[in-house]
Amino acid sequence: MITGHKIRSIRELKNLTQDHIADRLQISQSAYSKLEKESNISDEKLQQIAEALEVKPEDIMAFDSQKYFNNVGNVEGDNSNSYNESIVIGMTTEETELIKKLYEDKITLLEKLLSKSEIDVQRLEKIIQKFESKYGEL
C-alpha cells in the first residue's frame, strides 16, 4: 500500500480533515493532499505527519487497510452462526491496538462534536425564546 494512502486511511479513521493536518504541518491543504498520493515520503516528513496524526511513524508504515475487521453476521436461514462476530485477519497485536486506538479517538472526537452541537442547539433555542418574547411567536 502506498505510504500516502496509509496516511489518508489513518487520518480518515481519526475523523480529521486534510485542512486540519495541513494546518498542523503549516502547509497548504493542496500540498498536504499531494502528500497523501505519494508513495515515498521522507523520514523527516513522515515524522511530522505522524506527530500531526498523533501516531508513531512505524504505525503508519505498518498500517494495512486490508487487515481491517471483517464482520460475520447472521444470514437469514443460516444456523451456523447465531451471533454477530468480528474476526481479525492476519493482524499483529500492535496493528490491532493501533486500529483500536484509532477507533477510540474517532469516537472521542464524535462525542465532542455531538456535545458542541448540543450546546449550539441550546444557544439557538435561547435566542429564539428571546426573539419570541420581544417580537411574539413566529
N, C-alpha and C. Protein backbone atom coordinates (compact mmCIF):
# COMPACT_ATOMS: atom_id res chain seq x y z
N MET A 1 0.84 -1.17 0.00
CA MET A 1 0.00 0.00 0.00
C MET A 1 0.89 1.24 0.00
N ILE A 2 0.54 2.22 -0.79
CA ILE A 2 1.30 3.46 -0.90
C ILE A 2 1.27 4.20 0.44
N THR A 3 2.42 4.74 0.85
CA THR A 3 2.54 5.41 2.14
C THR A 3 1.49 6.52 2.29
N GLY A 4 1.30 7.30 1.25
CA GLY A 4 0.30 8.38 1.31
C GLY A 4 -1.10 7.85 1.55
N HIS A 5 -1.42 6.69 0.98
CA HIS A 5 -2.74 6.10 1.18
C HIS A 5 -2.90 5.63 2.63
N LYS A 6 -1.82 5.12 3.22
CA LYS A 6 -1.86 4.72 4.62
C LYS A 6 -2.15 5.94 5.50
N ILE A 7 -1.48 7.04 5.18
CA ILE A 7 -1.68 8.28 5.94
C ILE A 7 -3.13 8.73 5.82
N ARG A 8 -3.66 8.70 4.60
CA ARG A 8 -5.06 9.11 4.39
C ARG A 8 -6.01 8.21 5.18
N SER A 9 -5.78 6.91 5.15
CA SER A 9 -6.65 5.98 5.87
C SER A 9 -6.64 6.27 7.37
N ILE A 10 -5.47 6.49 7.93
CA ILE A 10 -5.37 6.80 9.35
C ILE A 10 -6.05 8.13 9.67
N ARG A 11 -5.83 9.13 8.82
CA ARG A 11 -6.46 10.44 9.02
C ARG A 11 -7.97 10.29 9.01
N GLU A 12 -8.50 9.53 8.07
CA GLU A 12 -9.95 9.34 7.97
C GLU A 12 -10.48 8.56 9.17
N LEU A 13 -9.74 7.55 9.63
CA LEU A 13 -10.16 6.82 10.82
C LEU A 13 -10.23 7.73 12.04
N LYS A 14 -9.34 8.70 12.08
CA LYS A 14 -9.33 9.65 13.19
C LYS A 14 -10.32 10.79 12.98
N ASN A 15 -11.03 10.74 11.84
CA ASN A 15 -12.05 11.74 11.53
C ASN A 15 -11.46 13.14 11.46
N LEU A 16 -10.29 13.25 10.85
CA LEU A 16 -9.62 14.54 10.69
C LEU A 16 -9.66 14.96 9.23
N THR A 17 -9.69 16.25 9.00
CA THR A 17 -9.71 16.77 7.63
C THR A 17 -8.28 17.01 7.14
N GLN A 18 -8.16 17.10 5.83
CA GLN A 18 -6.87 17.47 5.25
C GLN A 18 -6.47 18.86 5.72
N ASP A 19 -7.44 19.77 5.81
CA ASP A 19 -7.15 21.13 6.28
C ASP A 19 -6.54 21.12 7.68
N HIS A 20 -7.10 20.30 8.55
CA HIS A 20 -6.61 20.23 9.93
C HIS A 20 -5.15 19.78 9.97
N ILE A 21 -4.85 18.70 9.27
CA ILE A 21 -3.48 18.19 9.27
C ILE A 21 -2.54 19.18 8.57
N ALA A 22 -3.00 19.78 7.48
CA ALA A 22 -2.17 20.77 6.78
C ALA A 22 -1.84 21.94 7.71
N ASP A 23 -2.82 22.39 8.48
CA ASP A 23 -2.57 23.47 9.44
C ASP A 23 -1.51 23.05 10.47
N ARG A 24 -1.62 21.83 10.96
CA ARG A 24 -0.66 21.35 11.95
C ARG A 24 0.75 21.24 11.35
N LEU A 25 0.81 20.96 10.05
CA LEU A 25 2.10 20.84 9.36
C LEU A 25 2.58 22.19 8.82
N GLN A 26 1.71 23.19 8.90
CA GLN A 26 1.99 24.54 8.38
C GLN A 26 2.27 24.52 6.88
N ILE A 27 1.40 23.78 6.17
CA ILE A 27 1.45 23.75 4.72
C ILE A 27 0.02 23.95 4.20
N SER A 28 -0.12 24.15 2.90
CA SER A 28 -1.45 24.33 2.33
C SER A 28 -2.17 22.98 2.25
N GLN A 29 -3.49 23.06 2.14
CA GLN A 29 -4.28 21.84 2.01
C GLN A 29 -3.91 21.11 0.73
N SER A 30 -3.66 21.85 -0.36
CA SER A 30 -3.33 21.19 -1.62
C SER A 30 -1.97 20.49 -1.54
N ALA A 31 -1.02 21.08 -0.81
CA ALA A 31 0.29 20.44 -0.63
C ALA A 31 0.13 19.16 0.19
N TYR A 32 -0.73 19.23 1.21
CA TYR A 32 -0.97 18.04 2.02
C TYR A 32 -1.67 16.96 1.19
N SER A 33 -2.61 17.37 0.36
CA SER A 33 -3.33 16.42 -0.49
C SER A 33 -2.35 15.65 -1.37
N LYS A 34 -1.34 16.34 -1.88
CA LYS A 34 -0.32 15.69 -2.71
C LYS A 34 0.47 14.65 -1.90
N LEU A 35 0.72 14.96 -0.62
CA LEU A 35 1.44 14.01 0.23
C LEU A 35 0.68 12.70 0.36
N GLU A 36 -0.66 12.79 0.43
CA GLU A 36 -1.47 11.59 0.58
C GLU A 36 -1.48 10.73 -0.69
N LYS A 37 -0.90 11.24 -1.76
CA LYS A 37 -0.84 10.48 -3.01
C LYS A 37 0.57 9.96 -3.28
N GLU A 38 1.53 10.36 -2.46
CA GLU A 38 2.93 9.96 -2.69
C GLU A 38 3.20 8.56 -2.18
N SER A 39 4.07 7.86 -2.92
CA SER A 39 4.44 6.51 -2.49
C SER A 39 5.66 6.55 -1.56
N ASN A 40 6.52 7.52 -1.74
CA ASN A 40 7.71 7.64 -0.90
C ASN A 40 7.71 9.01 -0.22
N ILE A 41 7.76 8.99 1.10
CA ILE A 41 7.78 10.22 1.89
C ILE A 41 9.03 10.16 2.76
N SER A 42 9.75 11.27 2.83
CA SER A 42 10.99 11.29 3.60
C SER A 42 10.71 10.97 5.07
N ASP A 43 11.73 10.44 5.73
CA ASP A 43 11.59 10.10 7.15
C ASP A 43 11.22 11.33 7.98
N GLU A 44 11.82 12.46 7.64
CA GLU A 44 11.53 13.71 8.37
C GLU A 44 10.06 14.10 8.21
N LYS A 45 9.57 14.07 6.99
CA LYS A 45 8.17 14.44 6.73
C LYS A 45 7.22 13.42 7.35
N LEU A 46 7.59 12.14 7.29
CA LEU A 46 6.77 11.10 7.90
C LEU A 46 6.66 11.32 9.41
N GLN A 47 7.76 11.71 10.03
CA GLN A 47 7.76 12.01 11.47
C GLN A 47 6.80 13.17 11.77
N GLN A 48 6.85 14.22 10.96
CA GLN A 48 5.97 15.37 11.16
C GLN A 48 4.51 14.97 11.00
N ILE A 49 4.22 14.19 9.99
CA ILE A 49 2.84 13.75 9.74
C ILE A 49 2.37 12.86 10.89
N ALA A 50 3.24 11.96 11.34
CA ALA A 50 2.89 11.08 12.46
C ALA A 50 2.54 11.90 13.70
N GLU A 51 3.32 12.92 13.97
CA GLU A 51 3.03 13.79 15.12
C GLU A 51 1.69 14.49 14.94
N ALA A 52 1.40 14.95 13.74
CA ALA A 52 0.13 15.62 13.48
C ALA A 52 -1.04 14.66 13.65
N LEU A 53 -0.84 13.39 13.31
CA LEU A 53 -1.88 12.37 13.43
C LEU A 53 -1.89 11.73 14.82
N GLU A 54 -0.88 12.06 15.63
CA GLU A 54 -0.72 11.51 16.98
C GLU A 54 -0.56 9.99 16.96
N VAL A 55 0.29 9.53 16.04
CA VAL A 55 0.67 8.12 15.97
C VAL A 55 2.18 8.07 15.76
N LYS A 56 2.74 6.87 15.80
CA LYS A 56 4.17 6.70 15.55
C LYS A 56 4.38 6.51 14.05
N PRO A 57 5.54 6.94 13.52
CA PRO A 57 5.83 6.70 12.10
C PRO A 57 5.77 5.21 11.76
N GLU A 58 6.20 4.35 12.70
CA GLU A 58 6.17 2.91 12.45
C GLU A 58 4.74 2.42 12.27
N ASP A 59 3.81 3.06 13.01
CA ASP A 59 2.40 2.67 12.89
C ASP A 59 1.87 3.00 11.50
N ILE A 60 2.31 4.12 10.96
CA ILE A 60 1.89 4.48 9.61
C ILE A 60 2.42 3.46 8.61
N MET A 61 3.71 3.15 8.73
CA MET A 61 4.33 2.23 7.78
C MET A 61 3.74 0.82 7.89
N ALA A 62 3.32 0.42 9.09
CA ALA A 62 2.78 -0.93 9.29
C ALA A 62 1.30 -1.02 8.96
N PHE A 63 0.65 0.12 8.80
CA PHE A 63 -0.80 0.13 8.59
C PHE A 63 -1.17 -0.55 7.28
N ASP A 64 -2.16 -1.43 7.34
CA ASP A 64 -2.64 -2.13 6.15
C ASP A 64 -4.16 -2.19 6.20
N SER A 65 -4.82 -1.44 5.34
CA SER A 65 -6.28 -1.38 5.39
C SER A 65 -6.93 -2.71 5.02
N GLN A 66 -6.18 -3.60 4.38
CA GLN A 66 -6.73 -4.91 4.03
C GLN A 66 -6.88 -5.80 5.27
N LYS A 67 -6.25 -5.40 6.36
CA LYS A 67 -6.31 -6.19 7.58
C LYS A 67 -7.35 -5.64 8.56
N TYR A 68 -8.34 -4.98 8.01
CA TYR A 68 -9.42 -4.46 8.86
C TYR A 68 -10.26 -5.60 9.38
N PHE A 69 -11.22 -5.23 10.14
CA PHE A 69 -12.14 -6.20 10.71
C PHE A 69 -13.16 -6.60 9.66
N ASN A 70 -13.37 -7.90 9.52
CA ASN A 70 -14.43 -8.42 8.66
C ASN A 70 -15.55 -8.85 9.56
N ASN A 71 -16.73 -8.33 9.31
CA ASN A 71 -17.87 -8.69 10.14
C ASN A 71 -18.58 -9.90 9.56
N VAL A 72 -18.80 -10.85 10.42
CA VAL A 72 -19.55 -12.03 10.05
C VAL A 72 -20.83 -11.97 10.85
N GLY A 73 -21.96 -11.90 10.18
CA GLY A 73 -23.22 -11.77 10.88
C GLY A 73 -24.20 -12.83 10.47
N ASN A 74 -25.33 -12.78 11.12
CA ASN A 74 -26.38 -13.73 10.80
C ASN A 74 -26.87 -13.51 9.38
N VAL A 75 -27.07 -14.58 8.69
CA VAL A 75 -27.73 -14.56 7.39
C VAL A 75 -29.02 -15.32 7.58
N GLU A 76 -30.12 -14.76 7.10
CA GLU A 76 -31.41 -15.41 7.32
C GLU A 76 -31.36 -16.86 6.84
N GLY A 77 -31.75 -17.78 7.72
CA GLY A 77 -31.75 -19.19 7.36
C GLY A 77 -30.42 -19.87 7.62
N ASP A 78 -29.39 -19.11 8.06
CA ASP A 78 -28.08 -19.70 8.34
C ASP A 78 -27.96 -19.94 9.83
N ASN A 79 -27.96 -21.18 10.24
CA ASN A 79 -27.89 -21.53 11.65
C ASN A 79 -26.46 -21.77 12.13
N SER A 80 -25.49 -21.61 11.25
CA SER A 80 -24.12 -21.92 11.63
C SER A 80 -23.53 -20.87 12.56
N ASN A 81 -24.09 -19.67 12.57
CA ASN A 81 -23.56 -18.60 13.40
C ASN A 81 -24.73 -17.83 13.97
N SER A 82 -25.02 -18.04 15.25
CA SER A 82 -26.21 -17.44 15.83
C SER A 82 -25.96 -16.07 16.46
N TYR A 83 -24.77 -15.52 16.29
CA TYR A 83 -24.46 -14.20 16.83
C TYR A 83 -23.52 -13.47 15.89
N ASN A 84 -23.45 -12.14 16.07
CA ASN A 84 -22.51 -11.35 15.26
C ASN A 84 -21.12 -11.52 15.85
N GLU A 85 -20.14 -11.62 15.00
CA GLU A 85 -18.78 -11.88 15.44
C GLU A 85 -17.83 -11.10 14.55
N SER A 86 -16.75 -10.56 15.13
CA SER A 86 -15.73 -9.89 14.33
C SER A 86 -14.48 -10.76 14.32
N ILE A 87 -13.89 -10.87 13.17
CA ILE A 87 -12.69 -11.69 13.02
C ILE A 87 -11.56 -10.78 12.54
N VAL A 88 -10.43 -10.88 13.18
CA VAL A 88 -9.25 -10.12 12.77
C VAL A 88 -8.41 -11.05 11.91
N ILE A 89 -8.10 -10.60 10.71
CA ILE A 89 -7.38 -11.45 9.77
C ILE A 89 -5.93 -10.98 9.66
N GLY A 90 -5.01 -11.84 10.05
CA GLY A 90 -3.59 -11.60 9.83
C GLY A 90 -3.04 -10.34 10.45
N MET A 91 -3.53 -9.94 11.61
CA MET A 91 -3.05 -8.71 12.24
C MET A 91 -2.18 -9.03 13.44
N THR A 92 -1.13 -8.25 13.60
CA THR A 92 -0.31 -8.37 14.80
C THR A 92 -1.02 -7.65 15.94
N THR A 93 -0.58 -7.90 17.14
CA THR A 93 -1.15 -7.23 18.32
C THR A 93 -0.99 -5.72 18.19
N GLU A 94 0.16 -5.27 17.71
CA GLU A 94 0.41 -3.84 17.56
C GLU A 94 -0.58 -3.21 16.57
N GLU A 95 -0.81 -3.90 15.46
CA GLU A 95 -1.76 -3.40 14.46
C GLU A 95 -3.17 -3.36 15.03
N THR A 96 -3.53 -4.38 15.77
CA THR A 96 -4.86 -4.42 16.38
C THR A 96 -5.02 -3.28 17.37
N GLU A 97 -3.99 -3.04 18.18
CA GLU A 97 -4.04 -1.95 19.16
C GLU A 97 -4.11 -0.59 18.47
N LEU A 98 -3.39 -0.44 17.35
CA LEU A 98 -3.43 0.82 16.60
C LEU A 98 -4.84 1.07 16.09
N ILE A 99 -5.45 0.08 15.50
CA ILE A 99 -6.81 0.25 14.98
C ILE A 99 -7.77 0.53 16.11
N LYS A 100 -7.61 -0.17 17.23
CA LYS A 100 -8.47 0.07 18.39
C LYS A 100 -8.32 1.52 18.85
N LYS A 101 -7.08 2.01 18.94
CA LYS A 101 -6.83 3.38 19.37
C LYS A 101 -7.43 4.38 18.38
N LEU A 102 -7.30 4.10 17.10
CA LEU A 102 -7.86 4.99 16.09
C LEU A 102 -9.37 5.08 16.22
N TYR A 103 -10.02 3.95 16.41
CA TYR A 103 -11.48 3.96 16.59
C TYR A 103 -11.87 4.67 17.88
N GLU A 104 -11.11 4.46 18.95
CA GLU A 104 -11.41 5.15 20.21
C GLU A 104 -11.26 6.65 20.04
N ASP A 105 -10.20 7.08 19.33
CA ASP A 105 -10.00 8.51 19.06
C ASP A 105 -11.15 9.07 18.23
N LYS A 106 -11.59 8.30 17.25
CA LYS A 106 -12.70 8.75 16.40
C LYS A 106 -13.97 8.89 17.23
N ILE A 107 -14.23 7.95 18.11
CA ILE A 107 -15.42 8.02 18.97
C ILE A 107 -15.34 9.25 19.87
N THR A 108 -14.17 9.50 20.45
CA THR A 108 -13.99 10.67 21.32
C THR A 108 -14.26 11.95 20.55
N LEU A 109 -13.72 12.06 19.34
CA LEU A 109 -13.94 13.25 18.53
C LEU A 109 -15.41 13.42 18.17
N LEU A 110 -16.08 12.33 17.84
CA LEU A 110 -17.50 12.41 17.51
C LEU A 110 -18.33 12.79 18.73
N GLU A 111 -17.95 12.29 19.90
CA GLU A 111 -18.65 12.67 21.13
C GLU A 111 -18.47 14.16 21.42
N LYS A 112 -17.26 14.68 21.21
CA LYS A 112 -17.02 16.12 21.40
C LYS A 112 -17.85 16.94 20.42
N LEU A 113 -17.90 16.49 19.18
CA LEU A 113 -18.68 17.18 18.15
C LEU A 113 -20.16 17.18 18.51
N LEU A 114 -20.66 16.06 18.98
CA LEU A 114 -22.06 15.96 19.38
C LEU A 114 -22.35 16.88 20.56
N SER A 115 -21.45 16.91 21.52
CA SER A 115 -21.62 17.78 22.69
C SER A 115 -21.65 19.25 22.26
N LYS A 116 -20.74 19.63 21.36
CA LYS A 116 -20.70 21.00 20.86
C LYS A 116 -21.99 21.33 20.12
N SER A 117 -22.49 20.39 19.34
CA SER A 117 -23.74 20.60 18.61
C SER A 117 -24.90 20.79 19.56
N GLU A 118 -24.92 20.01 20.64
CA GLU A 118 -25.99 20.14 21.63
C GLU A 118 -25.95 21.51 22.29
N ILE A 119 -24.75 22.00 22.59
CA ILE A 119 -24.59 23.34 23.18
C ILE A 119 -25.07 24.40 22.19
N ASP A 120 -24.72 24.23 20.92
CA ASP A 120 -25.15 25.18 19.89
C ASP A 120 -26.68 25.21 19.78
N VAL A 121 -27.31 24.05 19.86
CA VAL A 121 -28.78 23.98 19.80
C VAL A 121 -29.38 24.71 20.99
N GLN A 122 -28.82 24.51 22.17
CA GLN A 122 -29.32 25.20 23.36
C GLN A 122 -29.20 26.71 23.21
N ARG A 123 -28.08 27.18 22.68
CA ARG A 123 -27.89 28.62 22.46
C ARG A 123 -28.93 29.16 21.47
N LEU A 124 -29.15 28.41 20.40
CA LEU A 124 -30.14 28.85 19.41
C LEU A 124 -31.54 28.88 20.01
N GLU A 125 -31.87 27.90 20.84
CA GLU A 125 -33.19 27.89 21.49
C GLU A 125 -33.36 29.12 22.38
N LYS A 126 -32.30 29.52 23.10
CA LYS A 126 -32.37 30.72 23.94
C LYS A 126 -32.56 31.97 23.09
N ILE A 127 -31.88 32.03 21.95
CA ILE A 127 -32.03 33.18 21.06
C ILE A 127 -33.46 33.26 20.53
N ILE A 128 -34.01 32.11 20.16
CA ILE A 128 -35.40 32.07 19.66
C ILE A 128 -36.36 32.52 20.75
N GLN A 129 -36.15 32.06 21.98
CA GLN A 129 -37.01 32.45 23.09
C GLN A 129 -36.95 33.97 23.31
N LYS A 130 -35.76 34.54 23.28
CA LYS A 130 -35.62 36.00 23.44
C LYS A 130 -36.33 36.74 22.31
N PHE A 131 -36.14 36.21 21.10
CA PHE A 131 -36.79 36.83 19.94
C PHE A 131 -38.31 36.78 20.08
N GLU A 132 -38.83 35.61 20.48
CA GLU A 132 -40.29 35.44 20.63
C GLU A 132 -40.83 36.32 21.76
N SER A 133 -40.07 36.45 22.86
CA SER A 133 -40.56 37.29 23.96
C SER A 133 -40.56 38.76 23.56
N LYS A 134 -39.66 39.14 22.68
CA LYS A 134 -39.59 40.54 22.25
C LYS A 134 -40.54 40.84 21.11
N TYR A 135 -40.66 39.93 20.15
CA TYR A 135 -41.44 40.18 18.93
C TYR A 135 -42.68 39.30 18.79
N GLY A 136 -42.88 38.39 19.71
CA GLY A 136 -44.04 37.49 19.60
C GLY A 136 -43.67 36.22 18.88
N GLU A 137 -44.63 35.29 18.88
CA GLU A 137 -44.40 33.98 18.26
C GLU A 137 -44.16 34.14 16.77
N LEU A 138 -43.38 33.23 16.23
CA LEU A 138 -43.11 33.25 14.78
C LEU A 138 -44.28 32.75 14.00
